[in-house]
Amino acid sequence: MIEFNDVPSPFCGIGTDDLSIQVDGLSLKVLTNGCSVNTPLFEHPITDTEARVKGQPVCLEDAIAAAAALLRSSQQALFGGCATDVNGMRALLSLADNTGAFLENLNFAGARNNFLALQDSGWMNTTLAEVKNRCDVLLIIGTDLEQFAPRFFERYLWTDAMFLPDSSQRQIIYLGKAPSGQAATSPTGKAPRIIDCAPEDLPEVLAVLRALVKKQPIRAEQVANLAIADLSTLAEQLSTAKYGVVTWLAGAFDKAHGELSVQMLSEMIKDLNANTRCSGLPLSGKEGDQTANQVCGWTTGYPARLSFNQGYPEYDPFLYDSTQLLANNEVDTLVWVHAFNATALPPVTKLPTLVIGRSGMQFDTEPEVYIPVGTPGIDHTGHAYRMDNVVAIRLKKLRDSGLPSTADVLHRIQLAL
């Protein structure tokens, strides 16, 4: 048995780097600082060590050859998932470019709300370090932050702060969805303020909140069953904060026009900065989404929803939606890459499918080719970006599983082409 300390996690999005993990052969056990997100993904057992072609075990060389043959016969492939580390994503982009494929990270449908708002009017966002050291008022919009990142409060709120004399006095406010546990309650027992609001009512509520922040008169006494007086109190808390932070999960907003809610928040944050300090903190970093968008950004200039079928990268946040491409029969082959989570399976399709994924994936329909790969941060070293996009976490190798990395498999497929 070997014990590793200060292990960083590629799974939770917030860059936890203090896990203690015991390795016994191929088995992992989280000893300390685990959570409901990290522990199951670190402890997931290896069940597949051999690649399969049409359901039959084959050596890696034969699987590589079958994958190359599949792509060689394809007229238009779709690369989905895109959940891997930096080197894996670089290799995936290279192969997509080489084959003229469409490419999309599986979380892009939600992230699009953020990108559209950013591209249209910009935003003022912060980092996790600034939250830890400066935030005195945290407003959480439309999501259960505790469920998204169970250790967020422990790591960044209820801890020593460089510029706050007593971090336990921070004000936590939920607008929309109440927390599922007690993590938002301070060490001194101060509970968060909860303003219940249905998800579909958030756009209207946010519009009124922004008006109140700007000191605009509101004649109504209620909006979406919320008292205007309660929202006025919230606006005052944000306006008098020394360093307010507003956080949200883009995918939680209305799918048709969620970017307008993100834009409303971003513009409210700008309004607050006329007299105090306030910043945004979009929640992300899971399933390799920040890593995919970062690598796509510096490689192509665009986020991870692209087409290479013209011989160069094209970005369209609507046209290249993988769900629509599959529904409209615009592609003839699906390549699914997911090295982090064995339960993150490819979408159901009758198309020939190549899966490069974590060991243990259970398919309802066996893909044409399945190549199990190592998980970054467990089976090989690597880098992954956390939610605030400013830190690339250096991932450790914890065991010798014999599984290849995603980057290695993709490079070998490209060479075989």
Protein backbone atom coordinates (compact mmCIF):
# COMPACT_ATOMS: atom_id res chain seq x y z
CA MET A 1 0.00 0.00 0.00
CA ILE A 2 1.10 3.53 -0.80
CA GLU A 3 -0.42 6.71 0.61
CA PHE A 4 -0.38 9.96 -1.36
CA ASN A 5 -1.00 13.29 0.33
CA ASP A 6 -1.91 16.69 -1.12
CA VAL A 7 -3.51 15.03 -4.13
CA PRO A 8 -5.19 17.47 -6.57
CA SER A 9 -8.57 16.60 -8.05
CA PRO A 10 -9.58 17.01 -11.71
CA PHE A 11 -13.21 16.26 -10.88
CA CYS A 12 -14.76 18.95 -8.65
CA GLY A 13 -13.95 22.12 -10.59
CA ILE A 14 -12.73 24.13 -7.60
CA GLY A 15 -9.18 22.82 -7.54
CA THR A 16 -9.12 20.90 -4.27
CA ASP A 17 -5.54 19.76 -3.79
CA ASP A 18 -5.42 18.35 -0.27
CA LEU A 19 -6.81 14.83 -0.61
CA SER A 20 -5.09 11.86 1.02
CA ILE A 21 -5.46 8.70 -1.04
CA GLN A 22 -4.38 5.15 -0.33
CA VAL A 23 -3.36 3.04 -3.32
CA ASP A 24 -3.45 -0.74 -3.03
CA GLY A 25 -2.56 -2.21 -6.41
CA LEU A 26 -5.26 -0.84 -8.72
CA SER A 27 -7.65 0.09 -5.90
CA LEU A 28 -7.88 3.62 -4.52
CA LYS A 29 -9.41 4.77 -1.25
CA VAL A 30 -9.88 8.41 -0.27
CA LEU A 31 -8.74 8.70 3.33
CA THR A 32 -9.28 12.41 4.05
CA ASN A 33 -10.87 15.47 2.46
CA GLY A 34 -13.07 13.54 0.06
CA CYS A 35 -16.57 14.66 -0.93
CA SER A 36 -19.63 13.37 -2.75
CA VAL A 37 -18.09 14.44 -6.07
CA ASN A 38 -14.44 13.46 -5.69
CA THR A 39 -14.58 10.25 -3.64
CA PRO A 40 -16.69 8.11 -6.04
CA LEU A 41 -14.62 9.19 -9.05
CA PHE A 42 -11.29 8.49 -7.37
CA GLU A 43 -12.49 5.13 -5.99
CA HIS A 44 -14.16 3.92 -9.22
CA PRO A 45 -12.68 0.47 -9.94
CA ILE A 46 -10.92 -0.60 -13.11
CA THR A 47 -13.00 -3.27 -14.82
CA ASP A 48 -11.91 -2.94 -18.46
CA THR A 49 -8.25 -3.23 -19.36
CA GLU A 50 -8.66 -4.48 -22.91
CA ALA A 51 -10.06 -2.64 -25.91
CA ARG A 52 -13.05 -4.07 -27.74
CA VAL A 53 -14.06 -4.08 -31.41
CA LYS A 54 -17.68 -5.06 -32.07
CA GLY A 55 -17.80 -6.31 -28.47
CA GLN A 56 -14.83 -8.63 -28.80
CA PRO A 57 -11.59 -8.10 -26.81
CA VAL A 58 -8.65 -7.10 -28.99
CA CYS A 59 -5.14 -5.79 -28.45
CA LEU A 60 -4.63 -2.03 -28.47
CA GLU A 61 -2.96 -2.09 -31.90
CA ASP A 62 -6.00 -3.78 -33.47
CA ALA A 63 -8.35 -1.31 -31.77
CA ILE A 64 -6.28 1.62 -33.08
CA ALA A 65 -6.46 0.16 -36.59
CA ALA A 66 -10.24 -0.34 -36.32
CA ALA A 67 -10.70 3.23 -35.07
CA ALA A 68 -8.62 4.59 -37.94
CA ALA A 69 -10.61 2.54 -40.44
CA LEU A 70 -13.85 3.90 -38.97
CA LEU A 71 -12.69 7.50 -39.39
CA ARG A 72 -11.20 6.83 -42.81
CA SER A 73 -14.58 5.65 -44.11
CA SER A 74 -16.46 8.55 -42.52
CA GLN A 75 -17.62 11.51 -44.58
CA GLN A 76 -18.49 13.67 -41.58
CA ALA A 77 -17.59 12.74 -38.01
CA LEU A 78 -18.71 14.32 -34.75
CA PHE A 79 -16.28 14.45 -31.83
CA GLY A 80 -18.27 14.69 -28.59
CA GLY A 81 -17.57 14.59 -24.87
CA CYS A 82 -14.16 16.26 -25.11
CA ALA A 83 -13.59 15.47 -21.42
CA THR A 84 -9.88 15.00 -20.95
CA ASP A 85 -6.75 16.84 -19.83
CA VAL A 86 -4.75 19.49 -21.70
CA ASN A 87 -2.64 17.06 -23.73
CA GLY A 88 -5.68 14.93 -24.52
CA MET A 89 -7.61 17.96 -25.75
CA ARG A 90 -4.71 19.11 -27.90
CA ALA A 91 -4.57 15.67 -29.52
CA LEU A 92 -8.34 15.67 -29.99
CA LEU A 93 -8.25 19.02 -31.78
CA SER A 94 -5.46 17.80 -34.01
CA LEU A 95 -7.42 14.69 -34.99
CA ALA A 96 -10.62 16.70 -35.55
CA ASP A 97 -8.66 19.07 -37.80
CA ASN A 98 -7.12 16.14 -39.66
CA THR A 99 -10.52 14.52 -40.31
CA GLY A 100 -12.63 17.67 -40.87
CA ALA A 101 -14.92 16.82 -37.95
CA PHE A 102 -17.40 18.71 -35.80
CA LEU A 103 -16.31 19.03 -32.17
CA GLU A 104 -18.22 19.90 -28.98
CA ASN A 105 -17.64 19.60 -25.24
CA LEU A 106 -20.59 17.90 -23.56
CA ASN A 107 -21.23 20.90 -21.24
CA PHE A 108 -21.27 23.50 -23.98
CA ALA A 109 -25.08 23.79 -24.10
CA GLY A 110 -24.97 25.47 -20.68
CA ALA A 111 -21.66 27.26 -21.15
CA ARG A 112 -23.07 28.91 -24.28
CA ASN A 113 -25.12 31.22 -22.04
CA ASN A 114 -21.88 32.55 -20.58
CA PHE A 115 -20.08 32.86 -23.90
CA LEU A 116 -22.92 34.76 -25.58
CA ALA A 117 -23.11 37.26 -22.71
CA LEU A 118 -19.33 37.64 -22.64
CA GLN A 119 -19.10 38.18 -26.39
CA ASP A 120 -21.98 40.64 -26.47
CA SER A 121 -21.22 42.97 -23.57
CA GLY A 122 -18.34 41.57 -21.49
CA TRP A 123 -18.24 40.88 -17.76
CA MET A 124 -16.25 41.49 -14.57
CA ASN A 125 -15.31 38.18 -12.96
CA THR A 126 -13.03 37.14 -10.12
CA THR A 127 -10.90 34.21 -9.00
CA LEU A 128 -11.23 31.69 -6.20
CA ALA A 129 -8.31 33.31 -4.38
CA GLU A 130 -10.10 36.68 -4.40
CA VAL A 131 -13.26 35.03 -3.11
CA LYS A 132 -11.30 33.46 -0.26
CA ASN A 133 -9.44 36.64 0.73
CA ARG A 134 -11.95 39.44 0.06
CA CYS A 135 -15.57 38.33 -0.38
CA ASP A 136 -17.88 39.55 2.40
CA VAL A 137 -21.21 39.00 0.60
CA LEU A 138 -21.82 35.97 -1.64
CA LEU A 139 -25.00 35.84 -3.74
CA ILE A 140 -25.76 32.42 -5.26
CA ILE A 141 -28.22 32.54 -8.17
CA GLY A 142 -30.47 29.64 -9.16
CA THR A 143 -28.30 26.71 -8.10
CA ASP A 144 -27.27 24.61 -5.11
CA LEU A 145 -23.60 25.53 -4.76
CA GLU A 146 -23.14 22.94 -2.05
CA GLN A 147 -24.28 20.18 -4.39
CA PHE A 148 -22.13 21.46 -7.25
CA ALA A 149 -18.96 21.70 -5.16
CA PRO A 150 -19.43 20.20 -1.67
CA ARG A 151 -16.21 21.68 -0.27
CA PHE A 152 -16.57 25.19 -1.72
CA PHE A 153 -17.57 26.80 1.57
CA GLU A 154 -14.97 24.92 3.58
CA ARG A 155 -12.18 25.84 1.17
CA TYR A 156 -13.06 29.40 0.22
CA LEU A 157 -15.53 30.91 2.72
CA TRP A 158 -15.11 29.45 6.21
CA THR A 159 -11.34 29.82 6.28
CA ASP A 160 -8.76 32.48 7.08
CA ALA A 161 -8.99 35.50 4.80
CA MET A 162 -6.21 37.95 4.09
CA PHE A 163 -8.42 41.04 4.06
CA LEU A 164 -11.27 40.09 6.40
CA PRO A 165 -10.88 40.17 10.19
CA ASP A 166 -13.55 37.49 10.74
CA SER A 167 -14.46 35.25 7.83
CA SER A 168 -17.34 33.68 9.79
CA GLN A 169 -19.25 36.97 9.41
CA ARG A 170 -19.53 36.67 5.65
CA GLN A 171 -23.10 36.95 4.36
CA ILE A 172 -24.35 34.07 2.21
CA ILE A 173 -27.55 34.60 0.19
CA TYR A 174 -29.34 32.08 -2.00
CA LEU A 175 -31.69 33.48 -4.63
CA GLY A 176 -33.76 30.78 -6.32
CA LYS A 177 -32.74 27.36 -5.03
CA ALA A 178 -32.19 26.53 -1.37
CA PRO A 179 -29.05 24.61 -0.33
CA SER A 180 -29.31 20.88 0.20
CA GLY A 181 -27.21 20.79 3.38
CA GLN A 182 -25.54 22.90 6.04
CA ALA A 183 -22.23 23.80 4.38
CA ALA A 184 -23.38 27.41 3.85
CA THR A 185 -23.92 27.86 7.60
CA SER A 186 -20.95 29.64 9.16
CA PRO A 187 -18.78 28.06 11.92
CA THR A 188 -20.55 30.36 14.40
CA GLY A 189 -23.98 29.06 13.35
CA LYS A 190 -25.00 31.94 11.09
CA ALA A 191 -27.38 30.47 8.51
CA PRO A 192 -27.57 31.70 4.91
CA ARG A 193 -30.41 33.91 3.81
CA ILE A 194 -32.69 32.08 1.38
CA ILE A 195 -34.98 33.86 -1.10
CA ASP A 196 -37.08 31.18 -2.77
CA CYS A 197 -37.77 31.65 -6.45
CA ALA A 198 -38.83 29.26 -9.20
CA PRO A 199 -36.20 28.85 -11.97
CA GLU A 200 -38.59 30.14 -14.62
CA ASP A 201 -39.13 33.36 -12.64
CA LEU A 202 -35.44 34.21 -12.29
CA PRO A 203 -35.19 36.44 -15.41
CA GLU A 204 -37.97 38.72 -14.16
CA VAL A 205 -36.61 38.74 -10.61
CA LEU A 206 -33.09 39.57 -11.80
CA ALA A 207 -34.42 42.45 -13.90
CA VAL A 208 -36.12 43.95 -10.85
CA LEU A 209 -33.03 43.36 -8.69
CA ARG A 210 -30.86 45.22 -11.17
CA ALA A 211 -33.33 48.11 -11.26
CA LEU A 212 -33.21 48.30 -7.46
CA VAL A 213 -29.40 48.28 -7.49
CA LYS A 214 -29.57 51.26 -9.87
CA LYS A 215 -32.03 53.02 -7.49
CA GLN A 216 -34.83 52.88 -10.05
CA PRO A 217 -38.39 53.07 -8.68
CA ILE A 218 -40.48 49.89 -8.67
CA ARG A 219 -44.20 50.50 -8.25
CA ALA A 220 -45.22 46.87 -7.80
CA GLU A 221 -45.16 45.32 -4.34
CA GLN A 222 -44.36 41.82 -5.59
CA VAL A 223 -42.61 40.08 -8.45
CA ALA A 224 -42.99 36.33 -8.99
CA ASN A 225 -44.48 36.02 -5.47
CA LEU A 226 -41.45 37.75 -3.94
CA ALA A 227 -41.87 40.92 -1.95
CA ILE A 228 -40.12 43.89 -3.53
CA ALA A 229 -39.04 44.84 -0.01
CA ASP A 230 -36.99 41.59 0.23
CA LEU A 231 -35.28 42.33 -3.07
CA SER A 232 -34.64 45.91 -1.93
CA THR A 233 -32.85 44.55 1.13
CA LEU A 234 -30.78 42.29 -1.11
CA ALA A 235 -29.89 45.21 -3.38
CA GLU A 236 -28.80 47.19 -0.33
CA GLN A 237 -26.62 44.30 0.89
CA LEU A 238 -24.86 44.15 -2.47
CA SER A 239 -24.47 47.93 -2.65
CA THR A 240 -22.92 48.21 0.82
CA ALA A 241 -20.65 45.16 0.55
CA LYS A 242 -16.92 45.82 0.43
CA TYR A 243 -16.39 42.96 -2.02
CA GLY A 244 -19.55 41.25 -3.22
CA VAL A 245 -19.46 38.13 -5.39
CA VAL A 246 -22.33 36.84 -7.54
CA THR A 247 -22.11 33.20 -8.66
CA TRP A 248 -24.29 31.16 -11.01
CA LEU A 249 -24.41 27.97 -13.07
CA ALA A 250 -25.10 28.93 -16.67
CA GLY A 251 -26.87 25.67 -17.49
CA ALA A 252 -29.46 26.33 -14.76
CA PHE A 253 -31.01 29.21 -16.70
CA ASP A 254 -33.70 28.98 -19.34
CA LYS A 255 -32.31 27.03 -22.29
CA ALA A 256 -33.81 29.27 -24.98
CA HIS A 257 -32.58 32.64 -23.67
CA GLY A 258 -30.38 31.86 -20.69
CA GLU A 259 -27.69 34.21 -21.97
CA LEU A 260 -30.00 37.15 -21.21
CA SER A 261 -30.04 36.18 -17.53
CA VAL A 262 -26.24 35.96 -17.50
CA GLN A 263 -26.06 39.33 -19.22
CA MET A 264 -28.47 40.84 -16.68
CA LEU A 265 -26.23 39.61 -13.85
CA SER A 266 -23.09 40.83 -15.56
CA GLU A 267 -24.54 44.29 -16.15
CA MET A 268 -25.76 44.47 -12.53
CA ILE A 269 -22.23 43.68 -11.37
CA LYS A 270 -20.92 46.54 -13.51
CA ASP A 271 -23.53 48.86 -11.98
CA LEU A 272 -22.41 47.91 -8.48
CA ASN A 273 -18.81 48.74 -9.30
CA ALA A 274 -19.71 52.40 -9.69
CA ASN A 275 -19.66 52.70 -5.89
CA THR A 276 -18.17 49.48 -4.45
CA ARG A 277 -16.46 46.26 -5.50
CA CYS A 278 -18.41 43.34 -6.97
CA SER A 279 -17.43 40.47 -9.25
CA GLY A 280 -18.95 37.46 -10.92
CA LEU A 281 -17.95 33.82 -10.50
CA PRO A 282 -19.44 31.44 -13.10
CA LEU A 283 -19.55 27.83 -11.88
CA SER A 284 -17.86 25.31 -14.18
CA GLY A 285 -14.74 23.15 -14.36
CA LYS A 286 -16.39 19.73 -14.36
CA GLU A 287 -16.14 17.09 -17.11
CA GLY A 288 -13.14 18.90 -18.55
CA ASP A 289 -15.21 21.82 -19.82
CA GLN A 290 -12.82 24.60 -18.81
CA THR A 291 -9.87 22.58 -20.10
CA ALA A 292 -11.61 22.00 -23.44
CA ASN A 293 -12.49 25.66 -23.87
CA GLN A 294 -9.04 26.86 -22.78
CA VAL A 295 -7.21 24.59 -25.22
CA CYS A 296 -9.67 25.44 -28.00
CA GLY A 297 -9.25 29.12 -27.20
CA TRP A 298 -5.48 29.29 -27.52
CA THR A 299 -5.41 26.83 -30.44
CA THR A 300 -8.25 28.13 -32.63
CA GLY A 301 -9.45 31.36 -30.98
CA TYR A 302 -12.88 29.83 -30.30
CA PRO A 303 -14.69 27.83 -27.57
CA ALA A 304 -15.30 24.09 -27.85
CA ARG A 305 -18.14 23.98 -30.38
CA LEU A 306 -16.41 23.93 -33.74
CA SER A 307 -16.41 22.63 -37.27
CA PHE A 308 -13.25 21.76 -39.17
CA ASN A 309 -15.02 20.56 -42.33
CA GLN A 310 -13.95 23.60 -44.37
CA GLY A 311 -10.29 22.93 -43.66
CA TYR A 312 -10.10 25.53 -40.89
CA PRO A 313 -11.89 26.03 -37.55
CA GLU A 314 -15.34 27.65 -37.66
CA TYR A 315 -17.32 28.56 -34.54
CA ASP A 316 -21.09 28.76 -34.39
CA PRO A 317 -22.74 28.42 -30.95
CA PHE A 318 -26.06 27.33 -32.51
CA LEU A 319 -25.38 25.67 -35.85
CA TYR A 320 -22.87 23.12 -34.53
CA ASP A 321 -25.01 21.84 -31.66
CA SER A 322 -24.23 18.11 -31.48
CA THR A 323 -27.80 17.24 -30.46
CA GLN A 324 -29.13 18.86 -33.62
CA LEU A 325 -26.37 17.42 -35.81
CA LEU A 326 -27.32 13.93 -34.65
CA ALA A 327 -31.08 14.53 -34.89
CA ASN A 328 -30.76 15.94 -38.42
CA ASN A 329 -28.50 13.10 -39.65
CA GLU A 330 -25.76 15.57 -40.54
CA VAL A 331 -22.98 13.27 -39.31
CA ASP A 332 -22.21 9.63 -40.01
CA THR A 333 -19.77 8.75 -37.20
CA LEU A 334 -19.61 9.59 -33.50
CA VAL A 335 -16.34 9.77 -31.58
CA TRP A 336 -16.94 10.06 -27.82
CA VAL A 337 -14.03 11.00 -25.54
CA HIS A 338 -14.51 10.97 -21.76
CA ALA A 339 -11.61 10.04 -19.50
CA PHE A 340 -13.10 11.22 -16.19
CA ASN A 341 -16.47 9.60 -15.59
CA ALA A 342 -17.51 6.07 -16.56
CA THR A 343 -21.21 6.99 -16.29
CA ALA A 344 -20.90 9.78 -18.88
CA LEU A 345 -21.95 7.70 -21.88
CA PRO A 346 -22.30 8.81 -25.49
CA PRO A 347 -25.74 9.88 -26.73
CA VAL A 348 -27.96 7.12 -28.02
CA THR A 349 -27.49 6.79 -31.78
CA LYS A 350 -27.46 4.18 -34.52
CA LEU A 351 -24.29 5.67 -35.97
CA PRO A 352 -20.98 3.79 -35.86
CA THR A 353 -19.40 4.94 -32.60
CA LEU A 354 -15.84 5.08 -31.32
CA VAL A 355 -15.57 5.50 -27.54
CA ILE A 356 -12.30 6.50 -25.92
CA GLY A 357 -13.33 6.52 -22.30
CA ARG A 358 -12.75 5.63 -18.70
CA SER A 359 -12.61 1.98 -17.75
CA GLY A 360 -15.95 0.59 -16.60
CA MET A 361 -18.35 2.18 -19.07
CA GLN A 362 -21.55 0.12 -19.37
CA PHE A 363 -23.23 0.54 -22.75
CA ASP A 364 -26.81 -0.31 -23.69
CA THR A 365 -25.55 -0.66 -27.25
CA GLU A 366 -21.96 -1.75 -27.67
CA PRO A 367 -19.95 0.78 -29.71
CA GLU A 368 -18.08 -0.23 -32.83
CA VAL A 369 -14.81 0.40 -30.98
CA TYR A 370 -14.21 0.94 -27.25
CA ILE A 371 -10.75 1.84 -26.00
CA PRO A 372 -10.48 2.23 -22.20
CA VAL A 373 -7.96 4.90 -21.23
CA GLY A 374 -6.34 6.10 -18.06
CA THR A 375 -7.83 8.89 -15.99
CA PRO A 376 -5.74 12.07 -15.69
CA GLY A 377 -4.73 12.57 -12.07
CA ILE A 378 -4.94 8.84 -11.32
CA ASP A 379 -3.33 6.78 -14.08
CA HIS A 380 -1.04 9.43 -15.55
CA THR A 381 0.11 12.98 -14.93
CA GLY A 382 -1.49 15.91 -16.69
CA HIS A 383 -3.03 19.36 -16.37
CA ALA A 384 -6.65 20.47 -16.01
CA TYR A 385 -8.15 23.94 -15.57
CA ARG A 386 -10.28 24.77 -12.55
CA MET A 387 -13.46 26.87 -12.72
CA ASP A 388 -11.89 30.35 -12.56
CA ASN A 389 -9.69 29.62 -15.60
CA VAL A 390 -6.52 31.10 -14.08
CA VAL A 391 -4.90 27.95 -12.69
CA ALA A 392 -3.94 24.77 -14.55
CA ILE A 393 -3.91 22.09 -11.87
CA ARG A 394 -0.90 19.77 -12.05
CA LEU A 395 -2.31 16.26 -11.80
CA LYS A 396 -0.38 13.37 -10.25
CA LYS A 397 0.01 9.76 -11.28
CA LEU A 398 -1.15 7.52 -8.42
CA ARG A 399 -0.94 4.00 -9.86
CA ASP A 400 0.38 1.89 -12.75
CA SER A 401 -2.76 0.62 -14.45
CA GLY A 402 -1.23 -0.06 -17.85
CA LEU A 403 -3.97 1.97 -19.49
CA PRO A 404 -2.84 4.45 -22.17
CA SER A 405 -3.59 8.15 -21.93
CA THR A 406 -6.22 9.76 -24.15
CA ALA A 407 -3.50 11.78 -25.88
CA ASP A 408 -1.50 8.63 -26.66
CA VAL A 409 -4.51 6.85 -28.17
CA LEU A 410 -5.53 9.85 -30.27
CA HIS A 411 -1.98 10.38 -31.54
CA ARG A 412 -1.76 6.74 -32.57
CA ILE A 413 -5.09 6.91 -34.40
CA GLN A 414 -3.91 9.99 -36.28
CA LEU A 415 -0.66 8.25 -37.24
CA ALA A 416 -2.68 5.24 -38.44
CA LEU A 417 -4.69 7.54 -40.71
